[in-house]
Amino acid sequence: MEAEVMSGNGVANVKVPATWKEDKYAWIFLGVMVLTLVAGAIMKVNLGILLLILNFAVMRSEEKLAAKDKMDWPSTWWCLIPPVYLWKRLTLLKQSRIHFWLWIGVAVALALLLG
């Protein structure tokens, strides 16, 4: 069974396989951010470039998986603005926005705690 999803231009041309539930990538994406920021705070080093590279790698892996299922996927370049990527991803898959709100909450909490 497939679900029809509206693409960015409003045309219903994207098919999401009902079995496509790769939430592990969203959790990995969130974990990478937390671990990189905490490690940077412990080492007193800005690991922003490492975070960008790791985000790109996780997003690229997920993009390749989506391509196998012939899904229209958000560009990997959204790694430059991670919350936008998460929002686009969750909208495409018609999933809860929990990963997005967790990302925002964790980013704010870590900024306040480690800032």
PDB file of N, CA and C in Angstrom:
ATOM      1  N   MET A   1       0.848  -1.183   0.000  1.00  0.00           N
ATOM      2  CA  MET A   1       0.000   0.000   0.000  1.00  0.00           C
ATOM      3  C   MET A   1       0.886   1.235   0.000  1.00  0.00           C
ATOM      4  N   GLU A   2       0.521   2.235  -0.766  1.00  0.00           N
ATOM      5  CA  GLU A   2       1.283   3.470  -0.851  1.00  0.00           C
ATOM      6  C   GLU A   2       0.398   4.641  -0.470  1.00  0.00           C
ATOM      7  N   ALA A   3       1.011   5.671   0.075  1.00  0.00           N
ATOM      8  CA  ALA A   3       0.281   6.893   0.416  1.00  0.00           C
ATOM      9  C   ALA A   3       0.694   7.971  -0.571  1.00  0.00           C
ATOM     10  N   GLU A   4      -0.280   8.714  -1.079  1.00  0.00           N
ATOM     11  CA  GLU A   4       0.021   9.798  -2.000  1.00  0.00           C
ATOM     12  C   GLU A   4       0.321  11.045  -1.184  1.00  0.00           C
ATOM     13  N   VAL A   5       1.409  11.704  -1.500  1.00  0.00           N
ATOM     14  CA  VAL A   5       1.853  12.858  -0.732  1.00  0.00           C
ATOM     15  C   VAL A   5       2.033  14.041  -1.665  1.00  0.00           C
ATOM     16  N   MET A   6       1.649  15.220  -1.200  1.00  0.00           N
ATOM     17  CA  MET A   6       1.818  16.432  -1.998  1.00  0.00           C
ATOM     18  C   MET A   6       3.291  16.821  -2.023  1.00  0.00           C
ATOM     19  N   SER A   7       3.806  17.106  -3.196  1.00  0.00           N
ATOM     20  CA  SER A   7       5.188  17.564  -3.299  1.00  0.00           C
ATOM     21  C   SER A   7       5.235  19.057  -3.007  1.00  0.00           C
ATOM     22  N   GLY A   8       6.420  19.627  -3.003  1.00  0.00           N
ATOM     23  CA  GLY A   8       6.606  21.032  -2.674  1.00  0.00           C
ATOM     24  C   GLY A   8       5.835  21.985  -3.571  1.00  0.00           C
ATOM     25  N   ASN A   9       5.570  21.584  -4.813  1.00  0.00           N
ATOM     26  CA  ASN A   9       4.843  22.467  -5.726  1.00  0.00           C
ATOM     27  C   ASN A   9       3.336  22.220  -5.693  1.00  0.00           C
ATOM     28  N   GLY A  10       2.865  21.406  -4.755  1.00  0.00           N
ATOM     29  CA  GLY A  10       1.444  21.179  -4.582  1.00  0.00           C
ATOM     30  C   GLY A  10       0.863  20.096  -5.465  1.00  0.00           C
ATOM     31  N   VAL A  11       1.703  19.397  -6.216  1.00  0.00           N
ATOM     32  CA  VAL A  11       1.228  18.340  -7.096  1.00  0.00           C
ATOM     33  C   VAL A  11       1.395  17.000  -6.401  1.00  0.00           C
ATOM     34  N   ALA A  12       0.336  16.215  -6.392  1.00  0.00           N
ATOM     35  CA  ALA A  12       0.382  14.913  -5.717  1.00  0.00           C
ATOM     36  C   ALA A  12       1.040  13.901  -6.645  1.00  0.00           C
ATOM     37  N   ASN A  13       2.365  13.869  -6.644  1.00  0.00           N
ATOM     38  CA  ASN A  13       3.074  12.963  -7.539  1.00  0.00           C
ATOM     39  C   ASN A  13       4.099  12.096  -6.813  1.00  0.00           C
ATOM     40  N   VAL A  14       4.152  12.185  -5.516  1.00  0.00           N
ATOM     41  CA  VAL A  14       5.142  11.450  -4.747  1.00  0.00           C
ATOM     42  C   VAL A  14       4.454  10.292  -4.054  1.00  0.00           C
ATOM     43  N   LYS A  15       4.972   9.107  -4.242  1.00  0.00           N
ATOM     44  CA  LYS A  15       4.411   7.934  -3.584  1.00  0.00           C
ATOM     45  C   LYS A  15       5.357   7.511  -2.464  1.00  0.00           C
ATOM     46  N   VAL A  16       4.812   7.386  -1.276  1.00  0.00           N
ATOM     47  CA  VAL A  16       5.602   6.939  -0.123  1.00  0.00           C
ATOM     48  C   VAL A  16       5.178   5.524   0.205  1.00  0.00           C
ATOM     49  N   PRO A  17       6.067   4.553   0.062  1.00  0.00           N
ATOM     50  CA  PRO A  17       5.693   3.190   0.417  1.00  0.00           C
ATOM     51  C   PRO A  17       5.248   3.118   1.874  1.00  0.00           C
ATOM     52  N   ALA A  18       4.162   2.392   2.116  1.00  0.00           N
ATOM     53  CA  ALA A  18       3.616   2.297   3.473  1.00  0.00           C
ATOM     54  C   ALA A  18       4.618   1.667   4.431  1.00  0.00           C
ATOM     55  N   THR A  19       5.539   0.877   3.916  1.00  0.00           N
ATOM     56  CA  THR A  19       6.523   0.218   4.775  1.00  0.00           C
ATOM     57  C   THR A  19       7.729   1.110   5.056  1.00  0.00           C
ATOM     58  N   TRP A  20       7.772   2.316   4.485  1.00  0.00           N
ATOM     59  CA  TRP A  20       8.930   3.193   4.644  1.00  0.00           C
ATOM     60  C   TRP A  20       8.822   3.934   5.957  1.00  0.00           C
ATOM     61  N   LYS A  21       9.404   3.360   6.974  1.00  0.00           N
ATOM     62  CA  LYS A  21       9.338   3.948   8.308  1.00  0.00           C
ATOM     63  C   LYS A  21      10.759   4.086   8.856  1.00  0.00           C
ATOM     64  N   GLU A  22      11.615   4.733   8.125  1.00  0.00           N
ATOM     65  CA  GLU A  22      13.018   4.866   8.505  1.00  0.00           C
ATOM     66  C   GLU A  22      13.222   6.019   9.488  1.00  0.00           C
ATOM     67  N   ASP A  23      12.561   5.948  10.630  1.00  0.00           N
ATOM     68  CA  ASP A  23      12.731   6.981  11.643  1.00  0.00           C
ATOM     69  C   ASP A  23      14.100   6.933  12.291  1.00  0.00           C
ATOM     70  N   LYS A  24      14.820   5.833  12.113  1.00  0.00           N
ATOM     71  CA  LYS A  24      16.138   5.741  12.731  1.00  0.00           C
ATOM     72  C   LYS A  24      17.043   6.878  12.263  1.00  0.00           C
ATOM     73  N   TYR A  25      16.862   7.337  11.029  1.00  0.00           N
ATOM     74  CA  TYR A  25      17.694   8.430  10.543  1.00  0.00           C
ATOM     75  C   TYR A  25      17.385   9.743  11.255  1.00  0.00           C
ATOM     76  N   ALA A  26      16.129   9.985  11.549  1.00  0.00           N
ATOM     77  CA  ALA A  26      15.781  11.196  12.289  1.00  0.00           C
ATOM     78  C   ALA A  26      16.376  11.147  13.693  1.00  0.00           C
ATOM     79  N   TRP A  27      16.334   9.977  14.318  1.00  0.00           N
ATOM     80  CA  TRP A  27      16.924   9.839  15.657  1.00  0.00           C
ATOM     81  C   TRP A  27      18.444   9.953  15.606  1.00  0.00           C
ATOM     82  N   ILE A  28      19.055   9.380  14.582  1.00  0.00           N
ATOM     83  CA  ILE A  28      20.510   9.505  14.418  1.00  0.00           C
ATOM     84  C   ILE A  28      20.874  10.971  14.224  1.00  0.00           C
ATOM     85  N   PHE A  29      20.096  11.657  13.409  1.00  0.00           N
ATOM     86  CA  PHE A  29      20.316  13.077  13.135  1.00  0.00           C
ATOM     87  C   PHE A  29      20.284  13.888  14.437  1.00  0.00           C
ATOM     88  N   LEU A  30      19.300  13.608  15.276  1.00  0.00           N
ATOM     89  CA  LEU A  30      19.177  14.288  16.569  1.00  0.00           C
ATOM     90  C   LEU A  30      20.342  13.920  17.490  1.00  0.00           C
ATOM     91  N   GLY A  31      20.700  12.643  17.524  1.00  0.00           N
ATOM     92  CA  GLY A  31      21.807  12.185  18.365  1.00  0.00           C
ATOM     93  C   GLY A  31      23.145  12.772  17.961  1.00  0.00           C
ATOM     94  N   VAL A  32      23.371  12.905  16.663  1.00  0.00           N
ATOM     95  CA  VAL A  32      24.613  13.502  16.161  1.00  0.00           C
ATOM     96  C   VAL A  32      24.748  14.931  16.674  1.00  0.00           C
ATOM     97  N   MET A  33      23.644  15.673  16.627  1.00  0.00           N
ATOM     98  CA  MET A  33      23.690  17.058  17.104  1.00  0.00           C
ATOM     99  C   MET A  33      24.039  17.112  18.588  1.00  0.00           C
ATOM    100  N   VAL A  34      23.362  16.298  19.386  1.00  0.00           N
ATOM    101  CA  VAL A  34      23.591  16.314  20.830  1.00  0.00           C
ATOM    102  C   VAL A  34      25.025  15.902  21.149  1.00  0.00           C
ATOM    103  N   LEU A  35      25.473  14.795  20.596  1.00  0.00           N
ATOM    104  CA  LEU A  35      26.823  14.306  20.904  1.00  0.00           C
ATOM    105  C   LEU A  35      27.907  15.274  20.446  1.00  0.00           C
ATOM    106  N   THR A  36      27.734  15.870  19.284  1.00  0.00           N
ATOM    107  CA  THR A  36      28.734  16.809  18.775  1.00  0.00           C
ATOM    108  C   THR A  36      28.805  18.068  19.638  1.00  0.00           C
ATOM    109  N   LEU A  37      27.651  18.599  20.014  1.00  0.00           N
ATOM    110  CA  LEU A  37      27.655  19.810  20.834  1.00  0.00           C
ATOM    111  C   LEU A  37      28.182  19.547  22.245  1.00  0.00           C
ATOM    112  N   VAL A  38      27.819  18.408  22.818  1.00  0.00           N
ATOM    113  CA  VAL A  38      28.324  18.070  24.154  1.00  0.00           C
ATOM    114  C   VAL A  38      29.831  17.817  24.099  1.00  0.00           C
ATOM    115  N   ALA A  39      30.288  17.077  23.089  1.00  0.00           N
ATOM    116  CA  ALA A  39      31.726  16.817  22.952  1.00  0.00           C
ATOM    117  C   ALA A  39      32.490  18.116  22.755  1.00  0.00           C
ATOM    118  N   GLY A  40      31.943  19.017  21.969  1.00  0.00           N
ATOM    119  CA  GLY A  40      32.585  20.318  21.762  1.00  0.00           C
ATOM    120  C   GLY A  40      32.672  21.108  23.053  1.00  0.00           C
ATOM    121  N   ALA A  41      31.624  21.047  23.877  1.00  0.00           N
ATOM    122  CA  ALA A  41      31.630  21.764  25.152  1.00  0.00           C
ATOM    123  C   ALA A  41      32.648  21.164  26.120  1.00  0.00           C
ATOM    124  N   ILE A  42      32.734  19.845  26.144  1.00  0.00           N
ATOM    125  CA  ILE A  42      33.696  19.179  27.030  1.00  0.00           C
ATOM    126  C   ILE A  42      35.129  19.509  26.616  1.00  0.00           C
ATOM    127  N   MET A  43      35.380  19.474  25.306  1.00  0.00           N
ATOM    128  CA  MET A  43      36.730  19.746  24.806  1.00  0.00           C
ATOM    129  C   MET A  43      36.996  21.233  24.640  1.00  0.00           C
ATOM    130  N   LYS A  44      35.965  22.066  24.858  1.00  0.00           N
ATOM    131  CA  LYS A  44      36.064  23.518  24.694  1.00  0.00           C
ATOM    132  C   LYS A  44      36.537  23.888  23.288  1.00  0.00           C
ATOM    133  N   VAL A  45      35.919  23.213  22.306  1.00  0.00           N
ATOM    134  CA  VAL A  45      36.242  23.413  20.895  1.00  0.00           C
ATOM    135  C   VAL A  45      34.925  23.526  20.126  1.00  0.00           C
ATOM    136  N   ASN A  46      34.886  24.367  19.120  1.00  0.00           N
ATOM    137  CA  ASN A  46      33.707  24.465  18.274  1.00  0.00           C
ATOM    138  C   ASN A  46      33.777  23.358  17.224  1.00  0.00           C
ATOM    139  N   LEU A  47      32.840  22.424  17.301  1.00  0.00           N
ATOM    140  CA  LEU A  47      32.813  21.309  16.361  1.00  0.00           C
ATOM    141  C   LEU A  47      31.729  21.500  15.303  1.00  0.00           C
ATOM    142  N   GLY A  48      31.438  22.753  14.984  1.00  0.00           N
ATOM    143  CA  GLY A  48      30.391  23.056  14.017  1.00  0.00           C
ATOM    144  C   GLY A  48      30.634  22.442  12.655  1.00  0.00           C
ATOM    145  N   ILE A  49      31.878  22.458  12.194  1.00  0.00           N
ATOM    146  CA  ILE A  49      32.197  21.873  10.885  1.00  0.00           C
ATOM    147  C   ILE A  49      31.992  20.357  10.934  1.00  0.00           C
ATOM    148  N   LEU A  50      32.413  19.726  12.033  1.00  0.00           N
ATOM    149  CA  LEU A  50      32.203  18.281  12.177  1.00  0.00           C
ATOM    150  C   LEU A  50      30.705  17.972  12.180  1.00  0.00           C
ATOM    151  N   LEU A  51      29.919  18.779  12.866  1.00  0.00           N
ATOM    152  CA  LEU A  51      28.471  18.586  12.906  1.00  0.00           C
ATOM    153  C   LEU A  51      27.882  18.699  11.499  1.00  0.00           C
ATOM    154  N   LEU A  52      28.330  19.668  10.745  1.00  0.00           N
ATOM    155  CA  LEU A  52      27.855  19.848   9.378  1.00  0.00           C
ATOM    156  C   LEU A  52      28.187  18.628   8.517  1.00  0.00           C
ATOM    157  N   ILE A  53      29.402  18.129   8.644  1.00  0.00           N
ATOM    158  CA  ILE A  53      29.833  16.960   7.863  1.00  0.00           C
ATOM    159  C   ILE A  53      29.018  15.732   8.251  1.00  0.00           C
ATOM    160  N   LEU A  54      28.823  15.522   9.551  1.00  0.00           N
ATOM    161  CA  LEU A  54      28.052  14.363  10.006  1.00  0.00           C
ATOM    162  C   LEU A  54      26.589  14.469   9.580  1.00  0.00           C
ATOM    163  N   ASN A  55      26.014  15.671   9.682  1.00  0.00           N
ATOM    164  CA  ASN A  55      24.638  15.867   9.216  1.00  0.00           C
ATOM    165  C   ASN A  55      24.524  15.540   7.734  1.00  0.00           C
ATOM    166  N   PHE A  56      25.477  16.019   6.957  1.00  0.00           N
ATOM    167  CA  PHE A  56      25.473  15.759   5.523  1.00  0.00           C
ATOM    168  C   PHE A  56      25.524  14.254   5.256  1.00  0.00           C
ATOM    169  N   ALA A  57      26.372  13.536   5.982  1.00  0.00           N
ATOM    170  CA  ALA A  57      26.510  12.087   5.783  1.00  0.00           C
ATOM    171  C   ALA A  57      25.215  11.347   6.122  1.00  0.00           C
ATOM    172  N   VAL A  58      24.596  11.714   7.229  1.00  0.00           N
ATOM    173  CA  VAL A  58      23.343  11.056   7.622  1.00  0.00           C
ATOM    174  C   VAL A  58      22.245  11.354   6.594  1.00  0.00           C
ATOM    175  N   MET A  59      22.135  12.614   6.187  1.00  0.00           N
ATOM    176  CA  MET A  59      21.109  12.987   5.220  1.00  0.00           C
ATOM    177  C   MET A  59      21.341  12.322   3.870  1.00  0.00           C
ATOM    178  N   ARG A  60      22.575  12.238   3.462  1.00  0.00           N
ATOM    179  CA  ARG A  60      22.906  11.614   2.174  1.00  0.00           C
ATOM    180  C   ARG A  60      22.551  10.134   2.196  1.00  0.00           C
ATOM    181  N   SER A  61      22.827   9.462   3.317  1.00  0.00           N
ATOM    182  CA  SER A  61      22.472   8.048   3.444  1.00  0.00           C
ATOM    183  C   SER A  61      20.969   7.852   3.327  1.00  0.00           C
ATOM    184  N   GLU A  62      20.228   8.725   3.983  1.00  0.00           N
ATOM    185  CA  GLU A  62      18.775   8.636   3.930  1.00  0.00           C
ATOM    186  C   GLU A  62      18.259   8.968   2.532  1.00  0.00           C
ATOM    187  N   GLU A  63      18.880   9.915   1.879  1.00  0.00           N
ATOM    188  CA  GLU A  63      18.484  10.284   0.521  1.00  0.00           C
ATOM    189  C   GLU A  63      18.680   9.115  -0.443  1.00  0.00           C
ATOM    190  N   LYS A  64      19.783   8.397  -0.280  1.00  0.00           N
ATOM    191  CA  LYS A  64      20.045   7.228  -1.132  1.00  0.00           C
ATOM    192  C   LYS A  64      19.007   6.141  -0.898  1.00  0.00           C
ATOM    193  N   LEU A  65      18.637   5.929   0.358  1.00  0.00           N
ATOM    194  CA  LEU A  65      17.610   4.948   0.684  1.00  0.00           C
ATOM    195  C   LEU A  65      16.272   5.340   0.058  1.00  0.00           C
ATOM    196  N   ALA A  66      15.931   6.616   0.127  1.00  0.00           N
ATOM    197  CA  ALA A  66      14.684   7.096  -0.467  1.00  0.00           C
ATOM    198  C   ALA A  66      14.717   6.959  -1.992  1.00  0.00           C
ATOM    199  N   ALA A  67      15.885   7.173  -2.579  1.00  0.00           N
ATOM    200  CA  ALA A  67      16.010   7.052  -4.036  1.00  0.00           C
ATOM    201  C   ALA A  67      15.751   5.617  -4.493  1.00  0.00           C
ATOM    202  N   LYS A  68      16.145   4.640  -3.677  1.00  0.00           N
ATOM    203  CA  LYS A  68      15.886   3.239  -4.014  1.00  0.00           C
ATOM    204  C   LYS A  68      14.392   2.972  -4.114  1.00  0.00           C
ATOM    205  N   ASP A  69      13.614   3.660  -3.284  1.00  0.00           N
ATOM    206  CA  ASP A  69      12.159   3.508  -3.296  1.00  0.00           C
ATOM    207  C   ASP A  69      11.488   4.527  -4.206  1.00  0.00           C
ATOM    208  N   LYS A  70      12.305   5.213  -5.016  1.00  0.00           N
ATOM    209  CA  LYS A  70      11.816   6.200  -5.994  1.00  0.00           C
ATOM    210  C   LYS A  70      10.973   7.286  -5.343  1.00  0.00           C
ATOM    211  N   MET A  71      11.456   7.800  -4.229  1.00  0.00           N
ATOM    212  CA  MET A  71      10.766   8.866  -3.513  1.00  0.00           C
ATOM    213  C   MET A  71      11.437  10.195  -3.804  1.00  0.00           C
ATOM    214  N   ASP A  72      10.629  11.229  -3.973  1.00  0.00           N
ATOM    215  CA  ASP A  72      11.142  12.583  -4.100  1.00  0.00           C
ATOM    216  C   ASP A  72      11.568  13.001  -2.696  1.00  0.00           C
ATOM    217  N   TRP A  73      12.805  13.404  -2.510  1.00  0.00           N
ATOM    218  CA  TRP A  73      13.342  13.638  -1.170  1.00  0.00           C
ATOM    219  C   TRP A  73      13.905  15.038  -1.044  1.00  0.00           C
ATOM    220  N   PRO A  74      13.845  15.645   0.154  1.00  0.00           N
ATOM    221  CA  PRO A  74      14.447  16.971   0.333  1.00  0.00           C
ATOM    222  C   PRO A  74      15.948  16.928   0.025  1.00  0.00           C
ATOM    223  N   SER A  75      16.447  17.997  -0.491  1.00  0.00           N
ATOM    224  CA  SER A  75      17.856  18.084  -0.862  1.00  0.00           C
ATOM    225  C   SER A  75      18.763  17.913   0.351  1.00  0.00           C
ATOM    226  N   THR A  76      19.879  17.247   0.138  1.00  0.00           N
ATOM    227  CA  THR A  76      20.860  17.052   1.203  1.00  0.00           C
ATOM    228  C   THR A  76      21.440  18.388   1.654  1.00  0.00           C
ATOM    229  N   TRP A  77      21.374  19.397   0.806  1.00  0.00           N
ATOM    230  CA  TRP A  77      21.924  20.702   1.162  1.00  0.00           C
ATOM    231  C   TRP A  77      21.171  21.363   2.303  1.00  0.00           C
ATOM    232  N   TRP A  78      20.015  20.811   2.679  1.00  0.00           N
ATOM    233  CA  TRP A  78      19.304  21.337   3.836  1.00  0.00           C
ATOM    234  C   TRP A  78      20.072  21.043   5.118  1.00  0.00           C
ATOM    235  N   CYS A  79      21.185  20.299   5.030  1.00  0.00           N
ATOM    236  CA  CYS A  79      22.008  20.065   6.226  1.00  0.00           C
ATOM    237  C   CYS A  79      22.525  21.387   6.774  1.00  0.00           C
ATOM    238  N   LEU A  80      22.508  22.427   5.936  1.00  0.00           N
ATOM    239  CA  LEU A  80      22.923  23.746   6.392  1.00  0.00           C
ATOM    240  C   LEU A  80      21.889  24.365   7.331  1.00  0.00           C
ATOM    241  N   ILE A  81      20.643  23.932   7.220  1.00  0.00           N
ATOM    242  CA  ILE A  81      19.561  24.398   8.092  1.00  0.00           C
ATOM    243  C   ILE A  81      18.802  23.152   8.573  1.00  0.00           C
ATOM    244  N   PRO A  82      19.350  22.430   9.544  1.00  0.00           N
ATOM    245  CA  PRO A  82      18.793  21.141   9.958  1.00  0.00           C
ATOM    246  C   PRO A  82      17.312  21.130  10.319  1.00  0.00           C
ATOM    247  N   PRO A  83      16.784  22.131  11.039  1.00  0.00           N
ATOM    248  CA  PRO A  83      15.356  22.036  11.365  1.00  0.00           C
ATOM    249  C   PRO A  83      14.451  22.053  10.122  1.00  0.00           C
ATOM    250  N   VAL A  84      14.883  22.768   9.091  1.00  0.00           N
ATOM    251  CA  VAL A  84      14.099  22.811   7.857  1.00  0.00           C
ATOM    252  C   VAL A  84      14.094  21.433   7.203  1.00  0.00           C
ATOM    253  N   TYR A  85      15.250  20.777   7.185  1.00  0.00           N
ATOM    254  CA  TYR A  85      15.327  19.427   6.629  1.00  0.00           C
ATOM    255  C   TYR A  85      14.385  18.489   7.378  1.00  0.00           C
ATOM    256  N   LEU A  86      14.433  18.532   8.706  1.00  0.00           N
ATOM    257  CA  LEU A  86      13.560  17.658   9.490  1.00  0.00           C
ATOM    258  C   LEU A  86      12.092  17.938   9.188  1.00  0.00           C
ATOM    259  N   TRP A  87      11.724  19.202   9.113  1.00  0.00           N
ATOM    260  CA  TRP A  87      10.331  19.557   8.831  1.00  0.00           C
ATOM    261  C   TRP A  87       9.906  19.027   7.461  1.00  0.00           C
ATOM    262  N   LYS A  88      10.752  19.246   6.451  1.00  0.00           N
ATOM    263  CA  LYS A  88      10.434  18.775   5.106  1.00  0.00           C
ATOM    264  C   LYS A  88      10.323  17.248   5.072  1.00  0.00           C
ATOM    265  N   ARG A  89      11.239  16.585   5.746  1.00  0.00           N
ATOM    266  CA  ARG A  89      11.247  15.124   5.796  1.00  0.00           C
ATOM    267  C   ARG A  89       9.983  14.590   6.448  1.00  0.00           C
ATOM    268  N   LEU A  90       9.636  15.142   7.595  1.00  0.00           N
ATOM    269  CA  LEU A  90       8.471  14.676   8.332  1.00  0.00           C
ATOM    270  C   LEU A  90       7.177  14.996   7.583  1.00  0.00           C
ATOM    271  N   THR A  91       7.148  16.119   6.881  1.00  0.00           N
ATOM    272  CA  THR A  91       5.983  16.458   6.080  1.00  0.00           C
ATOM    273  C   THR A  91       5.827  15.471   4.931  1.00  0.00           C
ATOM    274  N   LEU A  92       6.928  15.165   4.268  1.00  0.00           N
ATOM    275  CA  LEU A  92       6.900  14.220   3.156  1.00  0.00           C
ATOM    276  C   LEU A  92       6.387  12.851   3.596  1.00  0.00           C
ATOM    277  N   LEU A  93       6.856  12.402   4.750  1.00  0.00           N
ATOM    278  CA  LEU A  93       6.476  11.077   5.247  1.00  0.00           C
ATOM    279  C   LEU A  93       5.160  11.090   6.024  1.00  0.00           C
ATOM    280  N   LYS A  94       4.570  12.270   6.177  1.00  0.00           N
ATOM    281  CA  LYS A  94       3.329  12.434   6.941  1.00  0.00           C
ATOM    282  C   LYS A  94       3.460  11.835   8.342  1.00  0.00           C
ATOM    283  N   GLN A  95       4.540  12.206   9.002  1.00  0.00           N
ATOM    284  CA  GLN A  95       4.795  11.726  10.356  1.00  0.00           C
ATOM    285  C   GLN A  95       4.656  12.869  11.351  1.00  0.00           C
ATOM    286  N   SER A  96       4.595  12.491  12.604  1.00  0.00           N
ATOM    287  CA  SER A  96       4.529  13.474  13.685  1.00  0.00           C
ATOM    288  C   SER A  96       5.763  14.376  13.624  1.00  0.00           C
ATOM    289  N   ARG A  97       5.617  15.598  14.075  1.00  0.00           N
ATOM    290  CA  ARG A  97       6.732  16.549  14.067  1.00  0.00           C
ATOM    291  C   ARG A  97       7.592  16.424  15.322  1.00  0.00           C
ATOM    292  N   ILE A  98       7.542  15.314  16.030  1.00  0.00           N
ATOM    293  CA  ILE A  98       8.270  15.159  17.294  1.00  0.00           C
ATOM    294  C   ILE A  98       9.773  15.363  17.125  1.00  0.00           C
ATOM    295  N   HIS A  99      10.349  14.859  16.046  1.00  0.00           N
ATOM    296  CA  HIS A  99      11.792  15.020  15.830  1.00  0.00           C
ATOM    297  C   HIS A  99      12.160  16.489  15.664  1.00  0.00           C
ATOM    298  N   PHE A 100      11.317  17.213  14.949  1.00  0.00           N
ATOM    299  CA  PHE A 100      11.561  18.643  14.749  1.00  0.00           C
ATOM    300  C   PHE A 100      11.538  19.374  16.083  1.00  0.00           C
ATOM    301  N   TRP A 101      10.482  19.170  16.875  1.00  0.00           N
ATOM    302  CA  TRP A 101      10.352  19.878  18.152  1.00  0.00           C
ATOM    303  C   TRP A 101      11.426  19.447  19.140  1.00  0.00           C
ATOM    304  N   LEU A 102      11.817  18.172  19.107  1.00  0.00           N
ATOM    305  CA  LEU A 102      12.929  17.728  19.959  1.00  0.00           C
ATOM    306  C   LEU A 102      14.226  18.412  19.547  1.00  0.00           C
ATOM    307  N   TRP A 103      14.457  18.528  18.241  1.00  0.00           N
ATOM    308  CA  TRP A 103      15.671  19.182  17.763  1.00  0.00           C
ATOM    309  C   TRP A 103      15.721  20.621  18.273  1.00  0.00           C
ATOM    310  N   ILE A 104      14.613  21.339  18.139  1.00  0.00           N
ATOM    311  CA  ILE A 104      14.539  22.728  18.607  1.00  0.00           C
ATOM    312  C   ILE A 104      14.764  22.791  20.115  1.00  0.00           C
ATOM    313  N   GLY A 105      14.077  21.932  20.859  1.00  0.00           N
ATOM    314  CA  GLY A 105      14.207  21.922  22.320  1.00  0.00           C
ATOM    315  C   GLY A 105      15.614  21.596  22.788  1.00  0.00           C
ATOM    316  N   VAL A 106      16.214  20.596  22.176  1.00  0.00           N
ATOM    317  CA  VAL A 106      17.577  20.211  22.553  1.00  0.00           C
ATOM    318  C   VAL A 106      18.558  21.317  22.188  1.00  0.00           C
ATOM    319  N   ALA A 107      18.388  21.929  21.026  1.00  0.00           N
ATOM    320  CA  ALA A 107      19.288  23.015  20.621  1.00  0.00           C
ATOM    321  C   ALA A 107      19.207  24.186  21.600  1.00  0.00           C
ATOM    322  N   VAL A 108      18.002  24.552  21.987  1.00  0.00           N
ATOM    323  CA  VAL A 108      17.833  25.664  22.948  1.00  0.00           C
ATOM    324  C   VAL A 108      18.399  25.277  24.300  1.00  0.00           C
ATOM    325  N   ALA A 109      18.084  24.074  24.773  1.00  0.00           N
ATOM    326  CA  ALA A 109      18.583  23.627  26.084  1.00  0.00           C
ATOM    327  C   ALA A 109      20.112  23.578  26.119  1.00  0.00           C
ATOM    328  N   LEU A 110      20.704  23.016  25.070  1.00  0.00           N
ATOM    329  CA  LEU A 110      22.172  22.949  25.038  1.00  0.00           C
ATOM    330  C   LEU A 110      22.790  24.334  24.921  1.00  0.00           C
ATOM    331  N   ALA A 111      22.153  25.223  24.194  1.00  0.00           N
ATOM    332  CA  ALA A 111      22.677  26.595  24.085  1.00  0.00           C
ATOM    333  C   ALA A 111      22.650  27.275  25.452  1.00  0.00           C
ATOM    334  N   LEU A 112      21.600  27.051  26.213  1.00  0.00           N
ATOM    335  CA  LEU A 112      21.503  27.650  27.542  1.00  0.00           C
ATOM    336  C   LEU A 112      22.470  27.001  28.527  1.00  0.00           C
ATOM    337  N   LEU A 113      22.590  25.684  28.468  1.00  0.00           N
ATOM    338  CA  LEU A 113      23.452  24.960  29.403  1.00  0.00           C
ATOM    339  C   LEU A 113      24.938  25.117  29.091  1.00  0.00           C
ATOM    340  N   LEU A 114      25.259  25.064  27.798  1.00  0.00           N
ATOM    341  CA  LEU A 114      26.674  25.063  27.404  1.00  0.00           C
ATOM    342  C   LEU A 114      27.160  26.442  26.974  1.00  0.00           C
ATOM    343  N   GLY A 115      26.208  27.350  26.722  1.00  0.00           N
ATOM    344  CA  GLY A 115      26.485  28.654  26.163  1.00  0.00           C
ATOM    345  C   GLY A 115      27.523  29.419  26.854  1.00  0.00           C
TER     346      GLY A 115
END
